[in-house]
């Protein structure tokens, strides 16, 4: 999962994930416990556009290809 800067957990509503992050679930490990909902697994690899939204909180996840070092 790609995190940038020093954001507070739960501050983002769109996350980029790679195949290394699968199986994908929300809330993610970086989510604050006080602002959590029950864990739900999200079948992002079954989505044609590589995007899925959490049915609880609306956070969107986008599956991106992992960049390799050249």
PDB file of N, CA and C in Angstrom:
ATOM      1  N   UNK A   1       0.846  -1.161   0.000  1.00  0.00           N
ATOM      2  CA  UNK A   1       0.000   0.000   0.000  1.00  0.00           C
ATOM      3  C   UNK A   1       0.892   1.225   0.000  1.00  0.00           C
ATOM      4  N   UNK A   2       0.528   2.204  -0.771  1.00  0.00           N
ATOM      5  CA  UNK A   2       1.344   3.397  -0.898  1.00  0.00           C
ATOM      6  C   UNK A   2       0.838   4.458   0.072  1.00  0.00           C
ATOM      7  N   UNK A   3       1.712   4.919   0.950  1.00  0.00           N
ATOM      8  CA  UNK A   3       1.391   6.018   1.858  1.00  0.00           C
ATOM      9  C   UNK A   3       2.368   7.140   1.583  1.00  0.00           C
ATOM     10  N   UNK A   4       1.889   8.355   1.625  1.00  0.00           N
ATOM     11  CA  UNK A   4       2.772   9.489   1.384  1.00  0.00           C
ATOM     12  C   UNK A   4       2.676  10.475   2.528  1.00  0.00           C
ATOM     13  N   UNK A   5       3.773  11.151   2.792  1.00  0.00           N
ATOM     14  CA  UNK A   5       3.791  12.196   3.812  1.00  0.00           C
ATOM     15  C   UNK A   5       3.534  11.664   5.202  1.00  0.00           C
ATOM     16  N   UNK A   6       3.094  12.551   6.068  1.00  0.00           N
ATOM     17  CA  UNK A   6       2.816  12.172   7.454  1.00  0.00           C
ATOM     18  C   UNK A   6       1.337  12.359   7.735  1.00  0.00           C
ATOM     19  N   UNK A   7       0.508  11.731   6.911  1.00  0.00           N
ATOM     20  CA  UNK A   7      -0.931  11.856   7.066  1.00  0.00           C
ATOM     21  C   UNK A   7      -1.412  11.092   8.288  1.00  0.00           C
ATOM     22  N   UNK A   8      -2.515  11.550   8.812  1.00  0.00           N
ATOM     23  CA  UNK A   8      -3.146  10.829   9.898  1.00  0.00           C
ATOM     24  C   UNK A   8      -3.873   9.632   9.314  1.00  0.00           C
ATOM     25  N   UNK A   9      -3.860   8.497   9.993  1.00  0.00           N
ATOM     26  CA  UNK A   9      -4.637   7.373   9.492  1.00  0.00           C
ATOM     27  C   UNK A   9      -6.093   7.792   9.293  1.00  0.00           C
ATOM     28  N   UNK A  10      -6.735   7.234   8.304  1.00  0.00           N
ATOM     29  CA  UNK A  10      -8.129   7.517   7.949  1.00  0.00           C
ATOM     30  C   UNK A  10      -8.299   8.851   7.241  1.00  0.00           C
ATOM     31  N   UNK A  11      -7.220   9.572   6.952  1.00  0.00           N
ATOM     32  CA  UNK A  11      -7.341  10.872   6.307  1.00  0.00           C
ATOM     33  C   UNK A  11      -7.585  10.734   4.810  1.00  0.00           C
ATOM     34  N   UNK A  12      -7.118   9.646   4.211  1.00  0.00           N
ATOM     35  CA  UNK A  12      -7.284   9.430   2.785  1.00  0.00           C
ATOM     36  C   UNK A  12      -8.603   8.744   2.506  1.00  0.00           C
ATOM     37  N   UNK A  13      -9.138   8.972   1.330  1.00  0.00           N
ATOM     38  CA  UNK A  13     -10.319   8.246   0.910  1.00  0.00           C
ATOM     39  C   UNK A  13     -10.031   7.401  -0.328  1.00  0.00           C
ATOM     40  N   UNK A  14      -8.828   7.532  -0.907  1.00  0.00           N
ATOM     41  CA  UNK A  14      -8.407   6.708  -2.034  1.00  0.00           C
ATOM     42  C   UNK A  14      -7.010   6.167  -1.733  1.00  0.00           C
ATOM     43  N   UNK A  15      -6.865   4.851  -1.847  1.00  0.00           N
ATOM     44  CA  UNK A  15      -5.581   4.208  -1.610  1.00  0.00           C
ATOM     45  C   UNK A  15      -5.184   3.427  -2.844  1.00  0.00           C
ATOM     46  N   UNK A  16      -3.899   3.463  -3.174  1.00  0.00           N
ATOM     47  CA  UNK A  16      -3.361   2.618  -4.229  1.00  0.00           C
ATOM     48  C   UNK A  16      -2.809   1.367  -3.568  1.00  0.00           C
ATOM     49  N   UNK A  17      -3.174   0.209  -4.101  1.00  0.00           N
ATOM     50  CA  UNK A  17      -2.694  -1.059  -3.573  1.00  0.00           C
ATOM     51  C   UNK A  17      -2.055  -1.866  -4.702  1.00  0.00           C
ATOM     52  N   UNK A  18      -1.160  -2.765  -4.337  1.00  0.00           N
ATOM     53  CA  UNK A  18      -0.520  -3.644  -5.312  1.00  0.00           C
ATOM     54  C   UNK A  18      -0.930  -5.083  -4.997  1.00  0.00           C
ATOM     55  N   UNK A  19      -0.548  -5.994  -5.850  1.00  0.00           N
ATOM     56  CA  UNK A  19      -0.865  -7.411  -5.625  1.00  0.00           C
ATOM     57  C   UNK A  19      -0.230  -7.915  -4.325  1.00  0.00           C
ATOM     58  N   UNK A  20       0.854  -7.289  -3.889  1.00  0.00           N
ATOM     59  CA  UNK A  20       1.492  -7.678  -2.622  1.00  0.00           C
ATOM     60  C   UNK A  20       0.590  -7.384  -1.423  1.00  0.00           C
ATOM     61  N   UNK A  21      -0.374  -6.483  -1.587  1.00  0.00           N
ATOM     62  CA  UNK A  21      -1.290  -6.119  -0.512  1.00  0.00           C
ATOM     63  C   UNK A  21      -2.511  -7.041  -0.429  1.00  0.00           C
ATOM     64  N   UNK A  22      -2.623  -7.980  -1.369  1.00  0.00           N
ATOM     65  CA  UNK A  22      -3.779  -8.863  -1.401  1.00  0.00           C
ATOM     66  C   UNK A  22      -3.595 -10.019  -0.429  1.00  0.00           C
ATOM     67  N   UNK A  23      -4.608 -10.558   0.189  1.00  0.00           N
ATOM     68  CA  UNK A  23      -5.993 -10.154   0.042  1.00  0.00           C
ATOM     69  C   UNK A  23      -6.239  -8.805   0.715  1.00  0.00           C
ATOM     70  N   UNK A  24      -7.031  -7.995   0.047  1.00  0.00           N
ATOM     71  CA  UNK A  24      -7.308  -6.627   0.515  1.00  0.00           C
ATOM     72  C   UNK A  24      -8.470  -6.636   1.489  1.00  0.00           C
ATOM     73  N   UNK A  25      -8.295  -5.898   2.559  1.00  0.00           N
ATOM     74  CA  UNK A  25      -9.403  -5.733   3.503  1.00  0.00           C
ATOM     75  C   UNK A  25      -9.432  -4.307   4.012  1.00  0.00           C
ATOM     76  N   UNK A  26     -10.613  -3.900   4.419  1.00  0.00           N
ATOM     77  CA  UNK A  26     -10.818  -2.581   5.009  1.00  0.00           C
ATOM     78  C   UNK A  26     -11.494  -2.828   6.350  1.00  0.00           C
ATOM     79  N   UNK A  27     -11.068  -2.185   7.418  1.00  0.00           N
ATOM     80  CA  UNK A  27     -10.011  -1.190   7.485  1.00  0.00           C
ATOM     81  C   UNK A  27      -8.636  -1.821   7.303  1.00  0.00           C
ATOM     82  N   UNK A  28      -7.706  -0.996   6.887  1.00  0.00           N
ATOM     83  CA  UNK A  28      -6.333  -1.433   6.675  1.00  0.00           C
ATOM     84  C   UNK A  28      -5.572  -1.380   8.000  1.00  0.00           C
ATOM     85  N   UNK A  29      -4.389  -1.989   8.061  1.00  0.00           N
ATOM     86  CA  UNK A  29      -3.609  -1.949   9.306  1.00  0.00           C
ATOM     87  C   UNK A  29      -3.260  -0.533   9.766  1.00  0.00           C
ATOM     88  N   UNK A  30      -3.231   0.442   8.852  1.00  0.00           N
ATOM     89  CA  UNK A  30      -2.877   1.807   9.238  1.00  0.00           C
ATOM     90  C   UNK A  30      -4.078   2.616   9.735  1.00  0.00           C
ATOM     91  N   UNK A  31      -5.250   2.024   9.766  1.00  0.00           N
ATOM     92  CA  UNK A  31      -6.457   2.727  10.190  1.00  0.00           C
ATOM     93  C   UNK A  31      -6.518   2.832  11.709  1.00  0.00           C
ATOM     94  N   UNK A  32      -6.897   3.998  12.186  1.00  0.00           N
ATOM     95  CA  UNK A  32      -7.055   4.185  13.635  1.00  0.00           C
ATOM     96  C   UNK A  32      -8.165   3.291  14.157  1.00  0.00           C
ATOM     97  N   UNK A  33      -7.919   2.644  15.288  1.00  0.00           N
ATOM     98  CA  UNK A  33      -8.914   1.741  15.842  1.00  0.00           C
ATOM     99  C   UNK A  33     -10.193   2.455  16.268  1.00  0.00           C
ATOM    100  N   UNK A  34     -10.093   3.685  16.723  1.00  0.00           N
ATOM    101  CA  UNK A  34     -11.275   4.380  17.198  1.00  0.00           C
ATOM    102  C   UNK A  34     -12.246   4.697  16.059  1.00  0.00           C
ATOM    103  N   UNK A  35     -11.750   4.676  14.835  1.00  0.00           N
ATOM    104  CA  UNK A  35     -12.585   5.047  13.699  1.00  0.00           C
ATOM    105  C   UNK A  35     -12.799   3.860  12.762  1.00  0.00           C
ATOM    106  N   UNK A  36     -12.817   2.662  13.306  1.00  0.00           N
ATOM    107  CA  UNK A  36     -12.893   1.470  12.483  1.00  0.00           C
ATOM    108  C   UNK A  36     -14.314   0.917  12.385  1.00  0.00           C
ATOM    109  N   UNK A  37     -14.483   0.045  11.442  1.00  0.00           N
ATOM    110  CA  UNK A  37     -15.717  -0.712  11.271  1.00  0.00           C
ATOM    111  C   UNK A  37     -15.310  -2.173  11.184  1.00  0.00           C
ATOM    112  N   UNK A  38     -16.249  -3.104  11.151  1.00  0.00           N
ATOM    113  CA  UNK A  38     -15.867  -4.519  11.034  1.00  0.00           C
ATOM    114  C   UNK A  38     -15.038  -4.759   9.780  1.00  0.00           C
ATOM    115  N   UNK A  39     -14.083  -5.668   9.867  1.00  0.00           N
ATOM    116  CA  UNK A  39     -13.217  -5.966   8.718  1.00  0.00           C
ATOM    117  C   UNK A  39     -14.039  -6.615   7.618  1.00  0.00           C
ATOM    118  N   UNK A  40     -13.848  -6.114   6.415  1.00  0.00           N
ATOM    119  CA  UNK A  40     -14.506  -6.680   5.251  1.00  0.00           C
ATOM    120  C   UNK A  40     -13.442  -6.889   4.172  1.00  0.00           C
ATOM    121  N   UNK A  41     -13.424  -8.078   3.583  1.00  0.00           N
ATOM    122  CA  UNK A  41     -12.478  -8.363   2.507  1.00  0.00           C
ATOM    123  C   UNK A  41     -13.070  -7.883   1.196  1.00  0.00           C
ATOM    124  N   UNK A  42     -12.230  -7.243   0.385  1.00  0.00           N
ATOM    125  CA  UNK A  42     -12.676  -6.612  -0.852  1.00  0.00           C
ATOM    126  C   UNK A  42     -12.040  -7.324  -2.049  1.00  0.00           C
ATOM    127  N   UNK A  43     -12.841  -7.933  -2.925  1.00  0.00           N
ATOM    128  CA  UNK A  43     -12.316  -8.691  -4.070  1.00  0.00           C
ATOM    129  C   UNK A  43     -11.882  -7.785  -5.220  1.00  0.00           C
ATOM    130  N   UNK A  44     -10.857  -6.988  -5.014  1.00  0.00           N
ATOM    131  CA  UNK A  44     -10.434  -6.001  -5.997  1.00  0.00           C
ATOM    132  C   UNK A  44      -9.919  -6.642  -7.284  1.00  0.00           C
ATOM    133  N   UNK A  45      -9.284  -7.803  -7.193  1.00  0.00           N
ATOM    134  CA  UNK A  45      -8.731  -8.410  -8.410  1.00  0.00           C
ATOM    135  C   UNK A  45      -9.829  -8.941  -9.322  1.00  0.00           C
ATOM    136  N   UNK A  46     -11.054  -9.058  -8.833  1.00  0.00           N
ATOM    137  CA  UNK A  46     -12.180  -9.486  -9.659  1.00  0.00           C
ATOM    138  C   UNK A  46     -12.844  -8.324 -10.399  1.00  0.00           C
ATOM    139  N   UNK A  47     -12.427  -7.100 -10.095  1.00  0.00           N
ATOM    140  CA  UNK A  47     -13.023  -5.911 -10.710  1.00  0.00           C
ATOM    141  C   UNK A  47     -12.337  -5.604 -12.034  1.00  0.00           C
ATOM    142  N   UNK A  48     -13.109  -5.388 -13.090  1.00  0.00           N
ATOM    143  CA  UNK A  48     -12.543  -5.120 -14.416  1.00  0.00           C
ATOM    144  C   UNK A  48     -11.702  -3.847 -14.449  1.00  0.00           C
ATOM    145  N   UNK A  49     -12.135  -2.820 -13.713  1.00  0.00           N
ATOM    146  CA  UNK A  49     -11.409  -1.543 -13.730  1.00  0.00           C
ATOM    147  C   UNK A  49     -10.350  -1.441 -12.639  1.00  0.00           C
ATOM    148  N   UNK A  50     -10.203  -2.481 -11.800  1.00  0.00           N
ATOM    149  CA  UNK A  50      -9.190  -2.477 -10.748  1.00  0.00           C
ATOM    150  C   UNK A  50      -9.495  -1.526  -9.615  1.00  0.00           C
ATOM    151  N   UNK A  51     -10.773  -1.189  -9.431  1.00  0.00           N
ATOM    152  CA  UNK A  51     -11.184  -0.281  -8.360  1.00  0.00           C
ATOM    153  C   UNK A  51     -12.311  -0.923  -7.573  1.00  0.00           C
ATOM    154  N   UNK A  52     -12.333  -0.624  -6.270  1.00  0.00           N
ATOM    155  CA  UNK A  52     -13.419  -1.113  -5.422  1.00  0.00           C
ATOM    156  C   UNK A  52     -13.587  -0.155  -4.251  1.00  0.00           C
ATOM    157  N   UNK A  53     -14.829  -0.021  -3.774  1.00  0.00           N
ATOM    158  CA  UNK A  53     -15.121   0.833  -2.622  1.00  0.00           C
ATOM    159  C   UNK A  53     -15.567  -0.023  -1.454  1.00  0.00           C
ATOM    160  N   UNK A  54     -15.161   0.399  -0.272  1.00  0.00           N
ATOM    161  CA  UNK A  54     -15.587  -0.266   0.943  1.00  0.00           C
ATOM    162  C   UNK A  54     -17.080   0.035   1.167  1.00  0.00           C
ATOM    163  N   UNK A  55     -17.891  -0.992   1.408  1.00  0.00           N
ATOM    164  CA  UNK A  55     -19.316  -0.747   1.626  1.00  0.00           C
ATOM    165  C   UNK A  55     -19.622  -0.049   2.950  1.00  0.00           C
ATOM    166  N   UNK A  56     -18.681  -0.079   3.894  1.00  0.00           N
ATOM    167  CA  UNK A  56     -18.904   0.572   5.184  1.00  0.00           C
ATOM    168  C   UNK A  56     -18.542   2.050   5.162  1.00  0.00           C
ATOM    169  N   UNK A  57     -17.320   2.359   4.717  1.00  0.00           N
ATOM    170  CA  UNK A  57     -16.826   3.734   4.865  1.00  0.00           C
ATOM    171  C   UNK A  57     -16.666   4.475   3.540  1.00  0.00           C
ATOM    172  N   UNK A  58     -16.779   3.766   2.414  1.00  0.00           N
ATOM    173  CA  UNK A  58     -16.677   4.432   1.121  1.00  0.00           C
ATOM    174  C   UNK A  58     -15.254   4.673   0.644  1.00  0.00           C
ATOM    175  N   UNK A  59     -14.261   4.206   1.392  1.00  0.00           N
ATOM    176  CA  UNK A  59     -12.881   4.353   0.946  1.00  0.00           C
ATOM    177  C   UNK A  59     -12.707   3.597  -0.358  1.00  0.00           C
ATOM    178  N   UNK A  60     -12.040   4.236  -1.325  1.00  0.00           N
ATOM    179  CA  UNK A  60     -11.820   3.609  -2.624  1.00  0.00           C
ATOM    180  C   UNK A  60     -10.396   3.060  -2.693  1.00  0.00           C
ATOM    181  N   UNK A  61     -10.271   1.877  -3.246  1.00  0.00           N
ATOM    182  CA  UNK A  61      -8.980   1.226  -3.437  1.00  0.00           C
ATOM    183  C   UNK A  61      -8.767   1.030  -4.929  1.00  0.00           C
ATOM    184  N   UNK A  62      -7.537   1.309  -5.390  1.00  0.00           N
ATOM    185  CA  UNK A  62      -7.183   1.191  -6.800  1.00  0.00           C
ATOM    186  C   UNK A  62      -5.990   0.247  -6.902  1.00  0.00           C
ATOM    187  N   UNK A  63      -6.143  -0.802  -7.697  1.00  0.00           N
ATOM    188  CA  UNK A  63      -5.072  -1.776  -7.894  1.00  0.00           C
ATOM    189  C   UNK A  63      -4.118  -1.242  -8.958  1.00  0.00           C
ATOM    190  N   UNK A  64      -2.847  -1.087  -8.584  1.00  0.00           N
ATOM    191  CA  UNK A  64      -1.840  -0.580  -9.517  1.00  0.00           C
ATOM    192  C   UNK A  64      -0.755  -1.628  -9.675  1.00  0.00           C
ATOM    193  N   UNK A  65      -0.073  -1.571 -10.795  1.00  0.00           N
ATOM    194  CA  UNK A  65       1.038  -2.485 -11.027  1.00  0.00           C
ATOM    195  C   UNK A  65       2.222  -2.056 -10.173  1.00  0.00           C
ATOM    196  N   UNK A  66       2.891  -3.021  -9.601  1.00  0.00           N
ATOM    197  CA  UNK A  66       4.057  -2.745  -8.761  1.00  0.00           C
ATOM    198  C   UNK A  66       5.220  -2.314  -9.643  1.00  0.00           C
ATOM    199  N   UNK A  67       5.853  -1.230  -9.268  1.00  0.00           N
ATOM    200  CA  UNK A  67       6.994  -0.726 -10.022  1.00  0.00           C
ATOM    201  C   UNK A  67       8.238  -1.518  -9.642  1.00  0.00           C
ATOM    202  N   UNK A  68       9.006  -1.921 -10.645  1.00  0.00           N
ATOM    203  CA  UNK A  68      10.245  -2.660 -10.382  1.00  0.00           C
ATOM    204  C   UNK A  68      11.433  -1.735 -10.552  1.00  0.00           C
ATOM    205  N   UNK A  69      12.464  -1.991  -9.783  1.00  0.00           N
ATOM    206  CA  UNK A  69      13.687  -1.190  -9.877  1.00  0.00           C
ATOM    207  C   UNK A  69      14.431  -1.564 -11.146  1.00  0.00           C
ATOM    208  N   UNK A  70      14.912  -0.547 -11.843  1.00  0.00           N
ATOM    209  CA  UNK A  70      15.609  -0.792 -13.110  1.00  0.00           C
ATOM    210  C   UNK A  70      17.093  -0.958 -12.884  1.00  0.00           C
TER     211      UNK A  70
END
